[in-house]
């Protein structure tokens, strides 16, 4: 069936909208993709909503967060409209929309996670069933609620030599490791582009370090890097997940622009290397998806610190920009079929779980 997947990720740069054809199991092919950037003003409001949500004991009504949710939903309606226009398809062609929303707070240690976005309003806008709230059931059952992409990675990587790893570099990094026996282990490794983007936005007139050019001019402060890596979270065995707000730029705040960018980039790469050390089999190849794969300095540091062949997933014929949105389309189809999207080895859930809430159009 044809399905749309929507993703507003921890990088807070915009909405990824993907259209795929899939059976929800071993067959999946991309049909169309559209990336719609956020305005600077909305990015600021979204960041403030995240900070307020993280300060709350539990999800609840908060005026700014509610206003941002309404605006976020309207932007997703616009993204779906644009995707349909670009693909040449009409709403009647689409079986389901996988709507991730935006994570404003992720607190699995408190048994809750919070993705804003009105699934019922989105379903009503197009007359298409929407599967949203994809993480809450997993977290309520004791899982981490993340990462969820491994089920899609497994489907795409079925023909690759094992062991192999798929690394997603958004604001936060997560890895899917598929062993020689086909077993999956997946978890967040730490930051990817989140802190680097924050650094560039507060210390320069640029929104991100394009191509890693700024970091390439700097020098890594190994003592500060070691202090950042001393956080006990890195020693926790997987499965594990983390919120973007868990780490800050404070350890590098007084550094020069280039040196700070280099040290934060090394922090992301070294965290992945620490994650690889948790795996029962070291992958010889790590294939990278997400915006971070365009950061050449980060990719070079990943290869140096993991000792693996680090390649873009585009070399496999996959679309590294669309992969995450495609995954949520795939998960929405699995929800319709009653198939699980999270597993004990990927989120720590007690059993395979279907997850998600179905919003039927009125």
Protein backbone atom coordinates (compact mmCIF):
# COMPACT_ATOMS: atom_id res chain seq x y z
CA UNK A 1 0.00 0.00 0.00
CA UNK A 2 1.02 3.64 -0.34
CA UNK A 3 1.86 5.36 2.95
CA UNK A 4 3.17 8.77 3.99
CA UNK A 5 5.64 9.22 6.84
CA UNK A 6 6.27 12.51 8.63
CA UNK A 7 9.22 13.39 10.85
CA UNK A 8 10.13 16.50 12.82
CA UNK A 9 13.42 15.53 14.37
CA UNK A 10 15.66 16.64 17.21
CA UNK A 11 17.62 18.89 14.86
CA UNK A 12 14.50 21.13 14.73
CA UNK A 13 15.31 22.14 11.17
CA UNK A 14 12.01 21.25 9.51
CA UNK A 15 9.63 18.49 8.45
CA UNK A 16 10.61 15.49 6.35
CA UNK A 17 7.70 14.00 4.39
CA UNK A 18 8.13 10.71 2.51
CA UNK A 19 5.82 8.60 0.37
CA UNK A 20 6.61 4.90 0.10
CA UNK A 21 5.03 1.73 -1.25
CA UNK A 22 5.34 -1.14 1.21
CA UNK A 23 3.79 -4.33 2.50
CA UNK A 24 4.95 -3.50 6.03
CA UNK A 25 7.32 -6.44 6.01
CA UNK A 26 10.17 -7.12 3.59
CA UNK A 27 9.15 -4.90 0.69
CA UNK A 28 9.55 -1.12 0.70
CA UNK A 29 10.39 1.39 -2.01
CA UNK A 30 10.55 5.17 -1.98
CA UNK A 31 8.11 7.06 -4.20
CA UNK A 32 8.57 10.74 -3.29
CA UNK A 33 10.22 12.93 -0.66
CA UNK A 34 9.85 16.55 0.40
CA UNK A 35 11.74 18.49 3.07
CA UNK A 36 10.08 21.65 4.36
CA UNK A 37 12.31 23.88 6.52
CA UNK A 38 11.00 25.71 9.56
CA UNK A 39 11.18 29.48 9.80
CA UNK A 40 13.69 30.92 12.26
CA UNK A 41 10.85 32.17 14.43
CA UNK A 42 9.17 28.78 14.68
CA UNK A 43 12.48 27.10 15.52
CA UNK A 44 12.86 29.47 18.47
CA UNK A 45 9.30 28.78 19.67
CA UNK A 46 9.79 25.03 19.26
CA UNK A 47 13.02 25.12 21.27
CA UNK A 48 11.26 27.05 24.05
CA UNK A 49 8.43 24.49 24.05
CA UNK A 50 10.99 21.70 24.50
CA UNK A 51 12.66 23.49 27.40
CA UNK A 52 9.32 24.05 29.15
CA UNK A 53 8.26 20.44 28.59
CA UNK A 54 11.49 19.10 30.08
CA UNK A 55 10.88 21.18 33.20
CA UNK A 56 7.46 19.59 33.80
CA UNK A 57 6.86 16.61 36.04
CA UNK A 58 4.39 15.12 33.56
CA UNK A 59 2.83 16.16 30.24
CA UNK A 60 -0.04 18.58 30.68
CA UNK A 61 -1.53 21.77 29.35
CA UNK A 62 0.91 24.64 28.96
CA UNK A 63 -0.14 27.62 26.81
CA UNK A 64 3.05 28.00 24.77
CA UNK A 65 3.36 24.27 24.12
CA UNK A 66 -0.30 24.10 23.07
CA UNK A 67 0.15 27.02 20.66
CA UNK A 68 3.30 25.45 19.19
CA UNK A 69 1.44 22.14 18.77
CA UNK A 70 -1.31 23.83 16.77
CA UNK A 71 1.26 25.58 14.57
CA UNK A 72 3.25 22.36 14.17
CA UNK A 73 0.14 20.48 13.02
CA UNK A 74 -0.68 23.18 10.46
CA UNK A 75 2.86 22.95 9.11
CA UNK A 76 2.49 19.16 8.77
CA UNK A 77 -0.73 19.67 6.80
CA UNK A 78 1.23 21.96 4.48
CA UNK A 79 4.03 19.39 4.15
CA UNK A 80 1.60 16.60 3.20
CA UNK A 81 -0.10 18.84 0.65
CA UNK A 82 3.24 19.70 -0.92
CA UNK A 83 4.30 16.04 -0.99
CA UNK A 84 1.09 14.94 -2.69
CA UNK A 85 1.40 17.71 -5.28
CA UNK A 86 5.01 16.76 -6.05
CA UNK A 87 4.21 13.04 -6.27
CA UNK A 88 1.18 13.38 -8.52
CA UNK A 89 -0.93 11.33 -6.09
CA UNK A 90 -4.26 12.27 -4.50
CA UNK A 91 -5.51 11.60 -1.01
CA UNK A 92 -7.57 8.60 -2.13
CA UNK A 93 -4.36 6.82 -3.14
CA UNK A 94 -2.91 6.92 0.38
CA UNK A 95 -3.74 4.17 2.88
CA UNK A 96 -2.26 5.75 6.01
CA UNK A 97 -0.06 8.54 7.37
CA UNK A 98 2.61 7.83 10.00
CA UNK A 99 2.79 10.99 12.11
CA UNK A 100 5.69 11.17 14.54
CA UNK A 101 5.04 14.72 15.71
CA UNK A 102 7.84 16.46 17.57
CA UNK A 103 9.40 15.17 20.79
CA UNK A 104 9.34 18.02 23.30
CA UNK A 105 10.44 15.84 26.21
CA UNK A 106 11.60 12.25 26.52
CA UNK A 107 11.63 10.88 30.09
CA UNK A 108 11.54 7.08 29.96
CA UNK A 109 12.96 6.95 33.49
CA UNK A 110 9.61 8.48 34.54
CA UNK A 111 7.62 6.21 32.21
CA UNK A 112 6.57 9.01 29.83
CA UNK A 113 7.54 10.58 26.55
CA UNK A 114 5.83 13.54 24.86
CA UNK A 115 5.39 14.04 21.13
CA UNK A 116 3.24 17.05 20.22
CA UNK A 117 1.07 17.10 17.10
CA UNK A 118 -2.67 16.65 16.62
CA UNK A 119 -3.21 13.32 14.84
CA UNK A 120 -6.98 13.73 14.70
CA UNK A 121 -6.69 17.14 13.04
CA UNK A 122 -4.24 15.78 10.48
CA UNK A 123 -6.56 12.87 9.67
CA UNK A 124 -9.46 15.25 9.30
CA UNK A 125 -7.52 17.56 6.99
CA UNK A 126 -7.06 14.85 4.36
CA UNK A 127 -9.58 12.12 5.12
CA UNK A 128 -6.67 9.69 5.56
CA UNK A 129 -6.18 7.49 8.67
CA UNK A 130 -3.25 8.66 10.78
CA UNK A 131 -1.11 6.56 13.13
CA UNK A 132 0.52 8.78 15.76
CA UNK A 133 1.79 8.64 19.34
CA UNK A 134 4.18 5.89 18.33
CA UNK A 135 6.40 5.87 21.43
CA UNK A 136 4.13 6.16 24.48
CA UNK A 137 2.96 2.55 24.75
CA UNK A 138 6.54 1.28 24.65
CA UNK A 139 7.64 3.69 27.40
CA UNK A 140 4.59 2.93 29.55
CA UNK A 141 5.49 -0.77 29.35
CA UNK A 142 9.02 -0.07 30.60
CA UNK A 143 10.82 0.38 27.27
CA UNK A 144 12.88 3.35 26.19
CA UNK A 145 10.52 4.32 23.37
CA UNK A 146 13.54 4.82 21.13
CA UNK A 147 14.98 4.17 18.72
CA UNK A 148 12.08 3.03 16.57
CA UNK A 149 13.79 2.96 13.16
CA UNK A 150 15.53 -0.44 13.64
CA UNK A 151 12.50 -2.36 12.34
CA UNK A 152 12.81 -0.41 9.07
CA UNK A 153 16.60 -0.69 9.00
CA UNK A 154 16.26 -4.46 9.30
CA UNK A 155 13.88 -4.59 6.34
CA UNK A 156 16.22 -2.54 4.15
CA UNK A 157 19.42 -4.31 5.23
CA UNK A 158 18.25 -7.91 4.80
CA UNK A 159 20.71 -8.59 1.96
CA UNK A 160 23.77 -6.87 3.50
CA UNK A 161 26.66 -8.93 4.91
CA UNK A 162 26.47 -9.18 8.70
CA UNK A 163 27.40 -7.91 11.21
CA UNK A 164 26.52 -4.42 10.02
CA UNK A 165 25.41 -1.18 11.65
CA UNK A 166 23.09 1.61 10.50
CA UNK A 167 23.77 4.93 12.21
CA UNK A 168 21.25 7.76 12.14
CA UNK A 169 22.69 11.23 12.73
CA UNK A 170 19.99 13.78 13.48
CA UNK A 171 20.06 16.03 16.52
CA UNK A 172 20.67 12.85 18.53
CA UNK A 173 22.50 9.78 17.19
CA UNK A 174 21.15 6.24 17.30
CA UNK A 175 22.59 3.00 16.02
CA UNK A 176 21.03 -0.23 14.77
CA UNK A 177 23.40 -3.20 14.90
CA UNK A 178 22.40 -6.38 13.09
CA UNK A 179 24.47 -9.37 14.17
CA UNK A 180 25.66 -12.30 12.10
CA UNK A 181 22.71 -14.28 13.57
CA UNK A 182 20.23 -11.58 12.51
CA UNK A 183 19.58 -10.34 16.04
CA UNK A 184 19.09 -6.58 16.43
CA UNK A 185 20.51 -4.32 19.13
CA UNK A 186 19.65 -0.63 18.91
CA UNK A 187 20.07 2.41 21.14
CA UNK A 188 20.89 6.10 21.26
CA UNK A 189 24.63 6.77 21.41
CA UNK A 190 24.45 10.45 22.41
CA UNK A 191 24.49 13.71 20.53
CA UNK A 192 24.85 13.96 16.75
CA UNK A 193 24.29 17.46 15.30
CA UNK A 194 22.26 18.96 18.15
CA UNK A 195 25.04 20.61 20.13
CA UNK A 196 27.03 21.48 17.00
CA UNK A 197 24.00 23.31 15.60
CA UNK A 198 23.42 25.10 18.91
CA UNK A 199 27.08 26.18 18.95
CA UNK A 200 26.98 27.57 15.43
CA UNK A 201 23.69 29.38 16.03
CA UNK A 202 24.93 31.09 19.20
CA UNK A 203 28.53 31.80 18.16
CA UNK A 204 28.17 32.62 14.47
CA UNK A 205 25.63 33.79 11.92
CA UNK A 206 25.19 30.25 10.58
CA UNK A 207 22.53 27.70 11.48
CA UNK A 208 24.85 24.69 11.28
CA UNK A 209 28.42 23.72 10.40
CA UNK A 210 28.02 23.08 6.68
CA UNK A 211 30.18 20.14 5.62
CA UNK A 212 32.00 20.34 8.96
CA UNK A 213 34.10 23.18 7.53
CA UNK A 214 34.30 25.11 10.80
CA UNK A 215 35.24 22.06 12.86
CA UNK A 216 37.91 21.16 10.29
CA UNK A 217 39.70 24.43 11.10
CA UNK A 218 39.67 23.83 14.86
CA UNK A 219 41.57 21.73 17.37
CA UNK A 220 39.87 19.19 19.62
CA UNK A 221 40.42 19.85 23.33
CA UNK A 222 40.95 16.27 24.44
CA UNK A 223 40.78 17.07 28.17
CA UNK A 224 37.37 18.73 27.80
CA UNK A 225 36.24 15.90 25.57
CA UNK A 226 37.28 13.36 28.20
CA UNK A 227 35.32 15.27 30.83
CA UNK A 228 32.20 15.23 28.65
CA UNK A 229 32.58 11.51 28.02
CA UNK A 230 32.90 10.86 31.77
CA UNK A 231 29.12 11.17 32.06
CA UNK A 232 27.96 7.82 33.55
CA UNK A 233 25.22 7.55 30.89
CA UNK A 234 27.83 6.37 28.37
CA UNK A 235 28.65 3.36 30.55
CA UNK A 236 25.04 2.19 30.71
CA UNK A 237 24.42 -0.96 28.72
CA UNK A 238 21.80 -0.76 25.96
CA UNK A 239 18.96 -0.46 25.34
CA UNK A 240 19.01 3.20 26.27
CA UNK A 241 17.82 6.53 24.92
CA UNK A 242 18.43 10.18 25.69
CA UNK A 243 16.78 13.55 25.26
CA UNK A 244 18.46 16.26 23.19
CA UNK A 245 18.52 18.52 26.26
CA UNK A 246 20.56 16.01 28.31
CA UNK A 247 23.87 17.59 27.28
CA UNK A 248 24.80 21.26 26.94
CA UNK A 249 27.52 23.43 25.39
CA UNK A 250 28.72 24.49 28.84
CA UNK A 251 32.02 22.52 28.73
CA UNK A 252 33.16 24.43 25.62
CA UNK A 253 31.45 27.80 26.20
CA UNK A 254 34.68 29.87 26.42
CA UNK A 255 36.40 28.31 23.39
CA UNK A 256 37.02 29.88 20.00
CA UNK A 257 34.40 29.15 17.33
CA UNK A 258 36.48 26.61 15.39
CA UNK A 259 37.86 24.80 18.46
CA UNK A 260 34.43 24.55 20.06
CA UNK A 261 32.96 23.13 16.85
CA UNK A 262 35.80 20.62 16.58
CA UNK A 263 35.42 19.48 20.20
CA UNK A 264 31.64 19.10 19.96
CA UNK A 265 32.01 17.18 16.70
CA UNK A 266 34.54 14.89 18.34
CA UNK A 267 32.09 14.44 21.23
CA UNK A 268 29.47 13.07 18.83
CA UNK A 269 31.97 10.75 17.11
CA UNK A 270 33.52 9.50 20.34
CA UNK A 271 30.07 8.79 21.78
CA UNK A 272 29.31 6.54 18.80
CA UNK A 273 32.63 4.74 19.37
CA UNK A 274 31.68 4.20 23.01
CA UNK A 275 28.37 2.81 21.81
CA UNK A 276 30.07 0.39 19.44
CA UNK A 277 32.03 -0.96 22.42
CA UNK A 278 28.72 -2.18 23.88
CA UNK A 279 28.02 -4.40 20.87
CA UNK A 280 28.68 -8.16 21.07
CA UNK A 281 30.09 -8.06 17.51
CA UNK A 282 31.99 -5.09 16.12
CA UNK A 283 30.61 -4.14 12.69
CA UNK A 284 33.15 -3.74 9.93
CA UNK A 285 30.84 -1.30 8.13
CA UNK A 286 28.74 1.52 9.53
CA UNK A 287 26.26 3.05 7.09
CA UNK A 288 25.14 6.55 8.01
CA UNK A 289 21.76 8.23 7.42
CA UNK A 290 20.43 11.63 8.45
CA UNK A 291 21.73 15.14 7.98
CA UNK A 292 24.93 14.45 9.91
CA UNK A 293 26.27 12.33 7.07
CA UNK A 294 26.86 15.56 5.12
CA UNK A 295 29.34 16.68 7.79
CA UNK A 296 32.62 15.45 6.33
CA UNK A 297 34.59 16.21 9.49
CA UNK A 298 32.18 14.17 11.59
CA UNK A 299 32.32 11.28 9.14
CA UNK A 300 36.13 11.30 9.24
CA UNK A 301 36.13 11.38 13.03
CA UNK A 302 33.66 8.50 13.13
CA UNK A 303 35.93 6.35 10.98
CA UNK A 304 38.98 7.22 13.06
CA UNK A 305 37.34 6.57 16.43
CA UNK A 306 35.30 3.44 15.55
CA UNK A 307 37.86 1.76 13.30
CA UNK A 308 35.05 0.80 10.92
CA UNK A 309 34.38 1.61 7.28
CA UNK A 310 31.99 4.57 7.58
CA UNK A 311 29.86 5.14 4.49
CA UNK A 312 26.69 7.01 3.58
CA UNK A 313 23.57 4.87 3.14
CA UNK A 314 23.22 6.56 -0.26
CA UNK A 315 25.96 4.18 -1.47
CA UNK A 316 23.45 1.38 -0.89
CA UNK A 317 20.84 3.10 -3.04
CA UNK A 318 18.90 4.30 0.02
CA UNK A 319 17.83 7.91 0.45
CA UNK A 320 19.70 9.10 3.53
CA UNK A 321 17.60 12.25 3.85
CA UNK A 322 14.25 10.46 3.56
CA UNK A 323 15.04 7.34 5.59
CA UNK A 324 13.58 8.42 8.92
CA UNK A 325 10.33 9.72 7.44
CA UNK A 326 10.07 6.56 5.34
CA UNK A 327 10.46 4.52 8.50
CA UNK A 328 7.42 6.11 10.12
CA UNK A 329 5.34 5.40 7.03
CA UNK A 330 6.50 1.78 7.26
CA UNK A 331 5.60 1.63 10.97
CA UNK A 332 2.12 3.03 10.28
CA UNK A 333 1.49 0.19 7.83
CA UNK A 334 2.74 -2.32 10.39
CA UNK A 335 0.30 -0.85 12.91
CA UNK A 336 -2.58 -1.45 10.48
CA UNK A 337 -1.38 -5.04 10.05
CA UNK A 338 -0.99 -5.62 13.80
CA UNK A 339 2.78 -6.12 13.49
CA UNK A 340 5.30 -4.94 16.13
CA UNK A 341 7.48 -1.86 15.72
CA UNK A 342 9.61 -2.16 18.87
CA UNK A 343 11.34 -5.13 20.47
CA UNK A 344 13.26 -6.07 23.63
CA UNK A 345 16.57 -5.66 21.78
CA UNK A 346 15.73 -2.23 20.37
CA UNK A 347 13.92 -0.35 23.15
CA UNK A 348 14.05 -2.74 26.09
CA UNK A 349 10.29 -3.33 25.89
CA UNK A 350 9.25 -6.50 27.72
CA UNK A 351 7.87 -8.00 24.48
CA UNK A 352 7.46 -7.02 20.81
CA UNK A 353 4.96 -4.14 20.71
CA UNK A 354 2.78 -2.74 17.95
CA UNK A 355 2.65 0.79 19.33
CA UNK A 356 0.87 3.82 17.96
CA UNK A 357 -2.65 5.23 18.11
CA UNK A 358 -4.95 5.16 15.09
CA UNK A 359 -6.83 8.37 14.32
CA UNK A 360 -9.64 7.74 11.86
CA UNK A 361 -10.88 10.74 9.86
CA UNK A 362 -14.26 12.02 11.02
